[in-house]
């Protein structure tokens, strides 16, 4: 029996991530969710095949989680308050590397 298709979800606050996860699951998808700590509803765990709770800036953890679970397509749903962006900010090495490259590129563009 073939395994179900996989889709990734980066979940913020509100009902939209829950609605998406439930609808995708009802259509036979295994929903792999990266839930934003301090934003995503706890109920997202029941609507997902697996859930990883991450802080904003944990890009390496997000990529690793999705790769290990065969996620090739992902969506982002839900709200993230501006205050939350910096409250739970934890940049990992991958995010810091990306930030440095963007900063260098912006400096070179000016």
N, C-alpha and C. Protein backbone atom coordinates (compact mmCIF):
# COMPACT_ATOMS: atom_id res chain seq x y z
N UNK A 1 0.84 -1.17 0.00
CA UNK A 1 0.00 0.00 0.00
C UNK A 1 0.89 1.25 0.00
N UNK A 2 0.68 2.18 -0.92
CA UNK A 2 1.52 3.37 -0.97
C UNK A 2 1.29 4.29 0.23
N UNK A 3 2.37 4.99 0.60
CA UNK A 3 2.22 5.92 1.73
C UNK A 3 1.49 7.18 1.25
N UNK A 4 0.82 7.86 2.18
CA UNK A 4 0.04 9.05 1.79
C UNK A 4 0.98 10.17 1.33
N UNK A 5 0.48 11.05 0.45
CA UNK A 5 1.29 12.20 0.07
C UNK A 5 1.53 13.09 1.28
N UNK A 6 2.66 13.77 1.27
CA UNK A 6 3.07 14.59 2.41
C UNK A 6 3.01 16.06 2.02
N UNK A 7 2.57 16.89 2.96
CA UNK A 7 2.61 18.34 2.76
C UNK A 7 3.05 18.99 4.07
N UNK A 8 3.86 20.03 3.95
CA UNK A 8 4.34 20.75 5.12
C UNK A 8 3.46 21.96 5.40
N UNK A 9 3.33 22.28 6.67
CA UNK A 9 2.57 23.43 7.10
C UNK A 9 3.40 24.20 8.12
N UNK A 10 3.60 25.49 7.86
CA UNK A 10 4.20 26.39 8.85
C UNK A 10 3.02 27.15 9.43
N UNK A 11 2.72 26.88 10.70
CA UNK A 11 1.49 27.35 11.31
C UNK A 11 1.71 28.52 12.26
N UNK A 12 0.96 29.60 12.00
CA UNK A 12 0.91 30.75 12.90
C UNK A 12 -0.39 30.69 13.69
N UNK A 13 -0.86 31.84 14.15
CA UNK A 13 -2.04 31.91 15.00
C UNK A 13 -3.34 31.86 14.20
N UNK A 14 -4.41 31.54 14.91
CA UNK A 14 -5.74 31.59 14.31
C UNK A 14 -6.26 30.24 13.86
N UNK A 15 -7.41 30.30 13.21
CA UNK A 15 -8.09 29.09 12.77
C UNK A 15 -7.63 28.59 11.40
N UNK A 16 -7.03 29.46 10.59
CA UNK A 16 -6.65 29.08 9.23
C UNK A 16 -5.69 27.89 9.18
N UNK A 17 -4.63 27.84 10.01
CA UNK A 17 -3.77 26.66 9.97
C UNK A 17 -4.53 25.37 10.34
N UNK A 18 -5.42 25.47 11.32
CA UNK A 18 -6.22 24.30 11.71
C UNK A 18 -7.12 23.86 10.57
N UNK A 19 -7.78 24.81 9.93
CA UNK A 19 -8.66 24.50 8.81
C UNK A 19 -7.87 23.82 7.69
N UNK A 20 -6.71 24.38 7.35
CA UNK A 20 -5.89 23.79 6.29
C UNK A 20 -5.48 22.37 6.65
N UNK A 21 -4.96 22.17 7.86
CA UNK A 21 -4.49 20.85 8.28
C UNK A 21 -5.62 19.82 8.24
N UNK A 22 -6.78 20.20 8.72
CA UNK A 22 -7.92 19.27 8.73
C UNK A 22 -8.38 18.93 7.31
N UNK A 23 -8.43 19.94 6.45
CA UNK A 23 -8.85 19.70 5.06
C UNK A 23 -7.83 18.84 4.32
N UNK A 24 -6.55 19.12 4.51
CA UNK A 24 -5.51 18.33 3.85
C UNK A 24 -5.57 16.88 4.34
N UNK A 25 -5.75 16.70 5.64
CA UNK A 25 -5.84 15.35 6.20
C UNK A 25 -7.05 14.61 5.65
N UNK A 26 -8.17 15.32 5.50
CA UNK A 26 -9.38 14.67 4.97
C UNK A 26 -9.21 14.26 3.51
N UNK A 27 -8.25 14.87 2.83
CA UNK A 27 -7.97 14.54 1.43
C UNK A 27 -6.83 13.53 1.31
N UNK A 28 -6.40 12.97 2.45
CA UNK A 28 -5.41 11.90 2.43
C UNK A 28 -3.97 12.32 2.59
N UNK A 29 -3.70 13.58 2.89
CA UNK A 29 -2.33 14.04 3.09
C UNK A 29 -1.85 13.79 4.51
N UNK A 30 -0.57 13.50 4.63
CA UNK A 30 0.09 13.46 5.93
C UNK A 30 0.65 14.86 6.15
N UNK A 31 0.06 15.61 7.07
CA UNK A 31 0.44 17.00 7.30
C UNK A 31 1.56 17.04 8.34
N UNK A 32 2.71 17.55 7.92
CA UNK A 32 3.87 17.72 8.79
C UNK A 32 3.93 19.20 9.15
N UNK A 33 3.72 19.50 10.42
CA UNK A 33 3.55 20.90 10.83
C UNK A 33 4.73 21.43 11.64
N UNK A 34 5.22 22.57 11.22
CA UNK A 34 6.17 23.36 12.01
C UNK A 34 5.33 24.48 12.61
N UNK A 35 5.05 24.37 13.91
CA UNK A 35 4.17 25.32 14.60
C UNK A 35 5.01 26.38 15.29
N UNK A 36 4.66 27.65 15.05
CA UNK A 36 5.40 28.74 15.65
C UNK A 36 5.03 28.89 17.12
N UNK A 37 6.04 28.72 17.97
CA UNK A 37 5.87 28.82 19.42
C UNK A 37 5.34 30.21 19.78
N UNK A 38 4.31 30.24 20.59
CA UNK A 38 3.73 31.51 21.01
C UNK A 38 2.68 32.04 20.05
N UNK A 39 2.44 31.32 18.95
CA UNK A 39 1.46 31.79 17.97
C UNK A 39 0.46 30.68 17.62
N UNK A 40 0.95 29.54 17.17
CA UNK A 40 0.08 28.47 16.69
C UNK A 40 -0.75 27.88 17.83
N UNK A 41 -1.99 27.49 17.52
CA UNK A 41 -2.84 26.88 18.55
C UNK A 41 -2.37 25.46 18.89
N UNK A 42 -2.47 25.09 20.13
CA UNK A 42 -2.07 23.75 20.59
C UNK A 42 -2.83 22.66 19.85
N UNK A 43 -4.08 22.96 19.42
CA UNK A 43 -4.91 21.98 18.70
C UNK A 43 -4.30 21.53 17.38
N UNK A 44 -3.29 22.25 16.90
CA UNK A 44 -2.68 21.90 15.61
C UNK A 44 -2.04 20.51 15.67
N UNK A 45 -1.63 20.10 16.86
CA UNK A 45 -1.00 18.78 17.01
C UNK A 45 -1.95 17.66 16.63
N UNK A 46 -3.22 17.77 17.01
CA UNK A 46 -4.20 16.72 16.70
C UNK A 46 -4.55 16.70 15.23
N UNK A 47 -4.40 17.82 14.54
CA UNK A 47 -4.75 17.91 13.12
C UNK A 47 -3.58 17.53 12.22
N UNK A 48 -2.41 17.26 12.80
CA UNK A 48 -1.20 16.99 12.04
C UNK A 48 -0.70 15.57 12.28
N UNK A 49 0.01 15.04 11.28
CA UNK A 49 0.65 13.75 11.47
C UNK A 49 1.77 13.88 12.50
N UNK A 50 2.57 14.93 12.36
CA UNK A 50 3.63 15.24 13.31
C UNK A 50 3.74 16.75 13.43
N UNK A 51 4.19 17.20 14.61
CA UNK A 51 4.33 18.64 14.85
C UNK A 51 5.67 18.92 15.50
N UNK A 52 6.36 19.93 14.98
CA UNK A 52 7.58 20.44 15.58
C UNK A 52 7.30 21.87 16.02
N UNK A 53 7.50 22.16 17.30
CA UNK A 53 7.31 23.52 17.80
C UNK A 53 8.64 24.25 17.66
N UNK A 54 8.62 25.35 16.89
CA UNK A 54 9.84 26.10 16.63
C UNK A 54 9.64 27.58 16.96
N UNK A 55 10.75 28.27 17.15
CA UNK A 55 10.74 29.71 17.29
C UNK A 55 11.11 30.31 15.95
N UNK A 56 10.72 31.55 15.76
CA UNK A 56 11.09 32.24 14.53
C UNK A 56 12.61 32.32 14.48
N UNK A 57 13.17 32.01 13.35
CA UNK A 57 14.62 32.04 13.18
C UNK A 57 15.27 30.67 13.25
N UNK A 58 14.51 29.64 13.55
CA UNK A 58 15.06 28.29 13.59
C UNK A 58 14.91 27.65 12.21
N UNK A 59 15.53 28.28 11.23
CA UNK A 59 15.43 27.84 9.85
C UNK A 59 16.03 26.45 9.65
N UNK A 60 17.16 26.18 10.27
CA UNK A 60 17.81 24.88 10.15
C UNK A 60 16.92 23.76 10.67
N UNK A 61 16.29 23.98 11.81
CA UNK A 61 15.39 22.98 12.39
C UNK A 61 14.19 22.74 11.48
N UNK A 62 13.65 23.82 10.91
CA UNK A 62 12.51 23.72 10.00
C UNK A 62 12.88 22.91 8.76
N UNK A 63 13.99 23.25 8.13
CA UNK A 63 14.42 22.55 6.92
C UNK A 63 14.70 21.08 7.22
N UNK A 64 15.38 20.81 8.33
CA UNK A 64 15.70 19.44 8.71
C UNK A 64 14.43 18.62 8.97
N UNK A 65 13.49 19.19 9.70
CA UNK A 65 12.22 18.52 10.01
C UNK A 65 11.49 18.15 8.71
N UNK A 66 11.37 19.11 7.79
CA UNK A 66 10.67 18.86 6.55
C UNK A 66 11.42 17.83 5.68
N UNK A 67 12.73 17.95 5.58
CA UNK A 67 13.51 17.01 4.76
C UNK A 67 13.37 15.58 5.27
N UNK A 68 13.50 15.39 6.58
CA UNK A 68 13.43 14.04 7.16
C UNK A 68 12.07 13.40 6.96
N UNK A 69 11.05 14.21 6.76
CA UNK A 69 9.70 13.68 6.59
C UNK A 69 9.23 13.70 5.13
N UNK A 70 10.14 14.00 4.23
CA UNK A 70 9.82 13.94 2.81
C UNK A 70 8.96 15.08 2.30
N UNK A 71 8.96 16.21 3.00
CA UNK A 71 8.16 17.36 2.57
C UNK A 71 8.87 18.04 1.40
N UNK A 72 8.17 18.12 0.29
CA UNK A 72 8.70 18.82 -0.89
C UNK A 72 7.86 20.06 -1.21
N UNK A 73 6.69 20.15 -0.61
CA UNK A 73 5.81 21.31 -0.78
C UNK A 73 5.31 21.71 0.59
N UNK A 74 5.28 23.02 0.83
CA UNK A 74 4.83 23.52 2.13
C UNK A 74 4.07 24.83 1.93
N UNK A 75 3.20 25.11 2.89
CA UNK A 75 2.44 26.35 2.90
C UNK A 75 2.61 27.01 4.26
N UNK A 76 2.34 28.31 4.29
CA UNK A 76 2.34 29.06 5.55
C UNK A 76 0.93 29.60 5.75
N UNK A 77 0.37 29.35 6.92
CA UNK A 77 -0.96 29.87 7.25
C UNK A 77 -0.96 30.38 8.67
N UNK A 78 -1.71 31.45 8.88
CA UNK A 78 -1.88 31.98 10.23
C UNK A 78 -1.14 33.28 10.43
N UNK A 79 -1.57 33.97 11.45
CA UNK A 79 -1.04 35.29 11.76
C UNK A 79 0.14 35.18 12.72
N UNK A 80 1.10 36.09 12.56
CA UNK A 80 2.19 36.24 13.51
C UNK A 80 2.26 37.72 13.86
N UNK A 81 1.98 38.04 15.09
CA UNK A 81 2.01 39.43 15.55
C UNK A 81 3.45 39.95 15.50
N UNK A 82 3.61 41.22 15.15
CA UNK A 82 4.95 41.80 15.08
C UNK A 82 5.70 41.65 16.40
N UNK A 83 5.01 41.82 17.51
CA UNK A 83 5.65 41.69 18.82
C UNK A 83 6.18 40.26 19.01
N UNK A 84 5.47 39.27 18.47
CA UNK A 84 5.89 37.87 18.58
C UNK A 84 7.15 37.59 17.78
N UNK A 85 7.36 38.33 16.69
CA UNK A 85 8.53 38.10 15.85
C UNK A 85 9.81 38.21 16.65
N UNK A 86 9.89 39.17 17.53
CA UNK A 86 11.12 39.39 18.28
C UNK A 86 11.10 38.76 19.67
N UNK A 87 9.92 38.48 20.19
CA UNK A 87 9.81 37.87 21.51
C UNK A 87 10.40 36.46 21.51
N UNK A 88 10.11 35.68 20.47
CA UNK A 88 10.58 34.30 20.39
C UNK A 88 11.65 34.11 19.32
N UNK A 89 12.38 35.16 19.01
CA UNK A 89 13.41 35.08 17.96
C UNK A 89 14.61 34.31 18.47
N UNK A 90 14.94 33.25 17.76
CA UNK A 90 16.12 32.44 18.07
C UNK A 90 16.73 32.04 16.74
N UNK A 91 17.72 32.80 16.30
CA UNK A 91 18.35 32.51 15.02
C UNK A 91 19.33 31.35 15.17
N UNK A 92 19.16 30.31 14.37
CA UNK A 92 20.11 29.21 14.37
C UNK A 92 21.20 29.51 13.33
N UNK A 93 22.16 28.61 13.16
CA UNK A 93 23.28 28.87 12.25
C UNK A 93 22.82 29.08 10.81
N UNK A 94 21.83 28.32 10.38
CA UNK A 94 21.34 28.46 9.01
C UNK A 94 20.69 29.84 8.81
N UNK A 95 19.91 30.27 9.78
CA UNK A 95 19.26 31.58 9.69
C UNK A 95 20.30 32.70 9.76
N UNK A 96 21.30 32.56 10.63
CA UNK A 96 22.35 33.58 10.72
C UNK A 96 23.14 33.69 9.42
N UNK A 97 23.41 32.55 8.81
CA UNK A 97 24.13 32.53 7.53
C UNK A 97 23.32 33.24 6.45
N UNK A 98 22.03 32.93 6.39
CA UNK A 98 21.15 33.58 5.42
C UNK A 98 21.08 35.08 5.69
N UNK A 99 20.95 35.47 6.94
CA UNK A 99 20.90 36.88 7.33
C UNK A 99 22.16 37.61 6.87
N UNK A 100 23.33 36.99 7.09
CA UNK A 100 24.60 37.60 6.69
C UNK A 100 24.67 37.79 5.18
N UNK A 101 24.26 36.77 4.42
CA UNK A 101 24.29 36.88 2.95
C UNK A 101 23.34 37.96 2.46
N UNK A 102 22.15 38.06 3.06
CA UNK A 102 21.21 39.11 2.66
C UNK A 102 21.77 40.49 2.97
N UNK A 103 22.39 40.62 4.13
CA UNK A 103 22.97 41.90 4.54
C UNK A 103 24.08 42.30 3.57
N UNK A 104 24.94 41.34 3.19
CA UNK A 104 26.02 41.62 2.24
C UNK A 104 25.45 42.00 0.87
N UNK A 105 24.42 41.30 0.45
CA UNK A 105 23.81 41.59 -0.84
C UNK A 105 23.18 42.98 -0.85
N UNK A 106 22.51 43.35 0.22
CA UNK A 106 21.89 44.67 0.32
C UNK A 106 22.95 45.77 0.35
N UNK A 107 24.06 45.53 1.04
CA UNK A 107 25.14 46.52 1.11
C UNK A 107 25.77 46.71 -0.26
N UNK A 108 25.86 45.63 -1.04
CA UNK A 108 26.44 45.70 -2.39
C UNK A 108 25.50 46.35 -3.39
N UNK A 109 24.21 46.37 -3.10
CA UNK A 109 23.23 46.93 -4.02
C UNK A 109 23.15 48.46 -3.93
N UNK A 110 23.67 49.01 -2.84
CA UNK A 110 23.53 50.44 -2.60
C UNK A 110 24.59 51.20 -3.23
